[in-house]
Amino acid sequence: MKIFFKRNKPVIIIAANIWIFVALFTVFAPFTVGAGSLVPIDEVVTSLQQTYEKTQDFKAGFIQETTIQSIKKTDIEEGTVFFKNPKNMLWDYSKPQKKKLVINPRKAWLYLPQEKIAYTRESDYIFKSKTLIKFLSGLGKLKNDFTIKYTEPKALDKQGNYLLVLTPLEKIPSLNPFQITVDKNTFLILQVSFEDTMGNSTVLKFSNIITNTGLPEKMFQFKPPEGVSVFNMP
């Protein structure tokens, strides 16, 4: 394993800030409503909170669409995401190219096998947001950390699913307002969308969510294979 210090490619910082933020809300609520009715926002938030507190781990398929504003280009990737409370995540990309983002309470790794490169960073830097720390430690409160409203002018999508916008109360650049789509029957989080400070947009669509299966902590560890160059990001 080769180790280098490279200060001009903050790949892991950007990726981790985006994907941790999204993973906080891949939960579902345990009640259903009749078709065509609009649940009061407080009931939606309360149910999401209750389920979040009961979710120790989850697995879900995902499709990620990232649009680079400056060149009007959209990249589509897909794979499987795993989360285990507290502060353990694995984003396992399968298409179009394989790569992994692995995060645990100590280290974060972005591994690009085709390039034989891995980027690493202390997890403390990624978890510098108090809001993120609380959620990934099982202590977060939606009503205390976000202003939550239905989107305007439409609160429902074409299938009748609920569209919400969450605005973080903590004022730091990496925490912008974002939107989630909530299944009208199961209250699964079907989609999360947001923009970064450069105007680039990301949409993540989740499917086949499974919770509380007892994911082993070892799956959130990473050791670079022989011959992989490792860059410690600033």
Protein backbone atom coordinates (compact mmCIF):
# COMPACT_ATOMS: atom_id res chain seq x y z
CA MET A 1 0.00 0.00 0.00
CA LYS A 2 1.37 3.39 -1.00
CA ILE A 3 0.48 6.52 0.97
CA PHE A 4 0.61 10.04 -0.45
CA PHE A 5 -0.48 13.48 0.74
CA LYS A 6 -2.37 15.23 -2.04
CA ARG A 7 -4.01 18.59 -1.39
CA ASN A 8 -5.86 19.40 -4.60
CA LYS A 9 -8.57 16.73 -4.79
CA PRO A 10 -11.04 16.95 -1.87
CA VAL A 11 -13.06 14.06 -3.30
CA ILE A 12 -13.87 12.32 -0.05
CA ILE A 13 -14.97 15.52 1.69
CA ILE A 14 -17.52 16.36 -1.00
CA ALA A 15 -18.82 12.81 -1.30
CA ALA A 16 -19.15 12.22 2.43
CA ASN A 17 -20.94 15.49 3.14
CA ILE A 18 -23.53 14.68 0.47
CA TRP A 19 -24.15 11.02 1.26
CA ILE A 20 -24.16 11.22 5.03
CA PHE A 21 -26.67 14.03 4.81
CA VAL A 22 -28.97 11.95 2.64
CA ALA A 23 -28.70 8.79 4.72
CA LEU A 24 -30.19 10.47 7.78
CA PHE A 25 -33.64 10.36 6.25
CA THR A 26 -33.89 6.94 4.62
CA VAL A 27 -36.51 5.80 7.14
CA PHE A 28 -40.21 4.95 7.08
CA ALA A 29 -43.18 5.64 9.32
CA PRO A 30 -45.56 3.00 10.71
CA PHE A 31 -48.94 4.39 9.68
CA THR A 32 -50.95 4.76 6.47
CA VAL A 33 -53.56 7.21 5.20
CA GLY A 34 -56.37 7.10 2.72
CA ALA A 35 -55.72 8.05 -0.90
CA GLY A 36 -56.21 11.74 -1.62
CA SER A 37 -55.90 12.98 1.97
CA LEU A 38 -53.12 15.30 3.10
CA VAL A 39 -51.66 14.35 6.46
CA PRO A 40 -50.93 17.33 8.76
CA ILE A 41 -47.23 18.06 8.64
CA ASP A 42 -46.82 17.57 12.40
CA GLU A 43 -48.15 14.00 12.11
CA VAL A 44 -45.71 13.18 9.33
CA VAL A 45 -42.76 14.57 11.29
CA THR A 46 -43.76 12.80 14.49
CA SER A 47 -44.08 9.46 12.72
CA LEU A 48 -40.74 9.86 10.95
CA GLN A 49 -39.11 10.70 14.28
CA GLN A 50 -40.55 7.65 16.02
CA THR A 51 -39.37 5.31 13.30
CA TYR A 52 -35.93 6.92 13.10
CA GLU A 53 -35.43 6.28 16.80
CA LYS A 54 -36.26 2.58 16.30
CA THR A 55 -34.00 2.13 13.26
CA GLN A 56 -30.64 0.65 14.24
CA ASP A 57 -29.54 -0.23 10.71
CA PHE A 58 -30.84 -0.36 7.16
CA LYS A 59 -30.05 -1.50 3.64
CA ALA A 60 -31.44 0.00 0.44
CA GLY A 61 -30.84 0.05 -3.29
CA PHE A 62 -30.22 3.50 -4.75
CA ILE A 63 -29.96 5.38 -8.02
CA GLN A 64 -28.00 8.63 -7.93
CA GLU A 65 -28.40 11.35 -10.55
CA THR A 66 -25.86 14.18 -10.31
CA THR A 67 -26.07 17.21 -12.60
CA ILE A 68 -23.01 19.44 -13.02
CA GLN A 69 -24.44 22.89 -13.61
CA SER A 70 -21.41 24.39 -15.37
CA ILE A 71 -21.45 21.86 -18.21
CA LYS A 72 -25.11 20.77 -18.06
CA LYS A 73 -24.14 17.11 -17.70
CA THR A 74 -25.97 14.47 -15.68
CA ASP A 75 -24.24 11.33 -14.43
CA ILE A 76 -26.31 8.34 -13.29
CA GLU A 77 -24.92 5.78 -10.84
CA GLU A 78 -26.48 3.00 -8.83
CA GLY A 79 -25.70 0.56 -6.07
CA THR A 80 -26.56 -0.39 -2.49
CA VAL A 81 -26.27 1.68 0.69
CA PHE A 82 -25.88 0.30 4.23
CA PHE A 83 -26.15 2.24 7.50
CA LYS A 84 -25.57 1.15 11.08
CA ASN A 85 -26.08 3.37 14.11
CA PRO A 86 -23.97 5.18 15.13
CA LYS A 87 -21.84 6.71 12.34
CA ASN A 88 -21.33 3.66 10.11
CA MET A 89 -22.08 3.85 6.39
CA LEU A 90 -21.21 1.97 3.21
CA TRP A 91 -22.15 3.21 -0.26
CA ASP A 92 -21.36 0.32 -2.62
CA TYR A 93 -21.57 1.52 -6.24
CA SER A 94 -22.05 -1.13 -8.93
CA LYS A 95 -22.82 0.90 -12.10
CA PRO A 96 -21.46 2.30 -14.33
CA GLN A 97 -18.19 1.77 -12.44
CA LYS A 98 -17.52 0.11 -9.12
CA LYS A 99 -16.47 2.25 -6.16
CA LYS A 100 -17.03 2.36 -2.43
CA LEU A 101 -17.51 5.07 0.18
CA VAL A 102 -16.91 3.57 3.63
CA ILE A 103 -17.41 5.58 6.83
CA ASN A 104 -17.04 4.53 10.44
CA PRO A 105 -16.58 6.54 13.67
CA ARG A 106 -12.82 6.83 13.04
CA LYS A 107 -12.12 6.91 9.31
CA ALA A 108 -13.75 7.65 5.96
CA TRP A 109 -12.57 6.03 2.73
CA LEU A 110 -13.42 6.55 -0.93
CA TYR A 111 -12.09 3.61 -2.95
CA LEU A 112 -11.83 3.67 -6.76
CA PRO A 113 -10.75 0.13 -7.74
CA GLN A 114 -10.31 0.76 -11.46
CA GLU A 115 -7.92 3.62 -10.74
CA LYS A 116 -6.27 1.76 -7.85
CA ILE A 117 -6.72 4.84 -5.67
CA ALA A 118 -8.23 5.37 -2.22
CA TYR A 119 -8.88 8.71 -0.51
CA THR A 120 -9.07 8.86 3.28
CA ARG A 121 -10.05 11.37 5.96
CA GLU A 122 -10.62 11.41 9.70
CA SER A 123 -14.34 11.01 10.37
CA ASP A 124 -14.34 13.85 12.89
CA TYR A 125 -14.02 16.31 10.02
CA ILE A 126 -17.04 14.86 8.23
CA PHE A 127 -19.12 14.86 11.42
CA LYS A 128 -18.29 18.47 12.32
CA SER A 129 -21.95 19.43 11.97
CA LYS A 130 -23.78 19.14 15.29
CA THR A 131 -26.96 18.23 13.41
CA LEU A 132 -25.29 15.31 11.64
CA ILE A 133 -23.63 14.08 14.83
CA LYS A 134 -26.93 14.02 16.70
CA PHE A 135 -28.74 12.14 13.95
CA LEU A 136 -26.01 9.58 13.41
CA SER A 137 -25.78 9.02 17.16
CA GLY A 138 -29.51 8.44 17.54
CA LEU A 139 -30.10 11.71 19.38
CA GLY A 140 -31.46 13.94 16.62
CA LYS A 141 -34.88 15.58 16.76
CA LEU A 142 -36.44 16.59 13.45
CA LYS A 143 -38.52 19.40 14.95
CA ASN A 144 -35.51 20.81 16.81
CA ASP A 145 -33.06 20.64 13.92
CA PHE A 146 -35.18 21.54 10.88
CA THR A 147 -37.98 23.72 9.65
CA ILE A 148 -40.21 21.26 7.76
CA LYS A 149 -42.95 22.20 5.32
CA TYR A 150 -44.80 20.77 2.36
CA THR A 151 -43.28 21.96 -0.90
CA GLU A 152 -45.04 24.68 -2.86
CA PRO A 153 -47.03 24.97 -5.01
CA LYS A 154 -47.52 21.18 -4.96
CA ALA A 155 -47.46 19.07 -1.80
CA LEU A 156 -47.97 15.79 -3.70
CA ASP A 157 -46.31 14.17 -6.69
CA LYS A 158 -48.24 12.52 -9.55
CA GLN A 159 -48.67 9.32 -7.53
CA GLY A 160 -49.99 11.19 -4.49
CA ASN A 161 -46.78 10.83 -2.48
CA TYR A 162 -45.87 13.63 -0.06
CA LEU A 163 -43.28 16.24 -0.98
CA LEU A 164 -41.47 17.91 1.93
CA VAL A 165 -38.74 20.52 2.17
CA LEU A 166 -36.40 20.46 5.17
CA THR A 167 -34.39 23.55 6.07
CA PRO A 168 -31.60 22.96 8.64
CA LEU A 169 -31.60 25.40 11.54
CA GLU A 170 -27.84 24.97 11.88
CA LYS A 171 -26.25 27.53 9.57
CA ILE A 172 -23.24 25.97 7.84
CA PRO A 173 -22.53 25.87 4.08
CA SER A 174 -22.77 22.08 3.75
CA LEU A 175 -26.33 21.96 5.13
CA ASN A 176 -28.63 23.43 2.49
CA PRO A 177 -32.40 22.97 2.33
CA PHE A 178 -33.37 19.71 0.63
CA GLN A 179 -36.49 17.89 -0.49
CA ILE A 180 -37.75 14.40 0.29
CA THR A 181 -40.52 12.34 -1.27
CA VAL A 182 -42.47 10.21 1.21
CA ASP A 183 -44.59 7.22 0.13
CA LYS A 184 -48.26 8.01 0.76
CA ASN A 185 -49.00 4.52 2.13
CA THR A 186 -45.87 3.18 3.79
CA PHE A 187 -44.08 6.49 4.47
CA LEU A 188 -40.86 5.12 3.05
CA ILE A 189 -38.49 7.86 1.93
CA LEU A 190 -38.51 7.31 -1.82
CA GLN A 191 -36.29 10.18 -2.93
CA VAL A 192 -34.00 12.94 -1.68
CA SER A 193 -32.90 15.90 -3.78
CA PHE A 194 -30.64 18.87 -3.03
CA GLU A 195 -28.18 21.38 -4.49
CA ASP A 196 -24.67 22.33 -3.40
CA THR A 197 -23.25 25.84 -3.17
CA MET A 198 -22.12 25.65 -6.83
CA GLY A 199 -25.63 24.96 -8.08
CA ASN A 200 -24.93 21.30 -8.84
CA SER A 201 -27.92 19.09 -8.07
CA THR A 202 -28.18 15.53 -6.78
CA VAL A 203 -31.22 13.25 -6.74
CA LEU A 204 -31.15 9.91 -4.91
CA LYS A 205 -33.93 7.39 -5.38
CA PHE A 206 -34.21 4.56 -2.85
CA SER A 207 -35.80 1.14 -3.19
CA ASN A 208 -36.12 -2.19 -1.34
CA ILE A 209 -35.39 -0.68 2.08
CA ILE A 210 -34.81 -3.27 4.82
CA THR A 211 -34.30 -2.24 8.45
CA ASN A 212 -32.91 -3.73 11.67
CA THR A 213 -31.27 -6.87 10.31
CA GLY A 214 -28.23 -6.69 12.57
CA LEU A 215 -25.61 -5.57 10.05
CA PRO A 216 -22.09 -6.52 11.28
CA GLU A 217 -19.73 -3.66 12.11
CA LYS A 218 -16.91 -5.32 10.17
CA MET A 219 -18.60 -4.41 6.88
CA PHE A 220 -17.87 -0.75 7.67
CA GLN A 221 -14.12 -1.32 7.91
CA PHE A 222 -11.80 -0.87 4.95
CA LYS A 223 -8.21 -1.90 4.24
CA PRO A 224 -6.73 -0.77 0.90
CA PRO A 225 -5.58 -3.72 -1.21
CA GLU A 226 -1.94 -4.12 -2.13
CA GLY A 227 -0.87 -1.77 -4.91
CA VAL A 228 -3.53 0.86 -4.15
CA SER A 229 -2.29 4.45 -3.78
CA VAL A 230 -3.75 6.20 -0.73
CA PHE A 231 -4.18 9.98 -0.58
CA ASN A 232 -4.75 11.67 2.78
CA MET A 233 -7.06 14.60 2.12
CA PRO A 234 -6.55 17.93 3.94
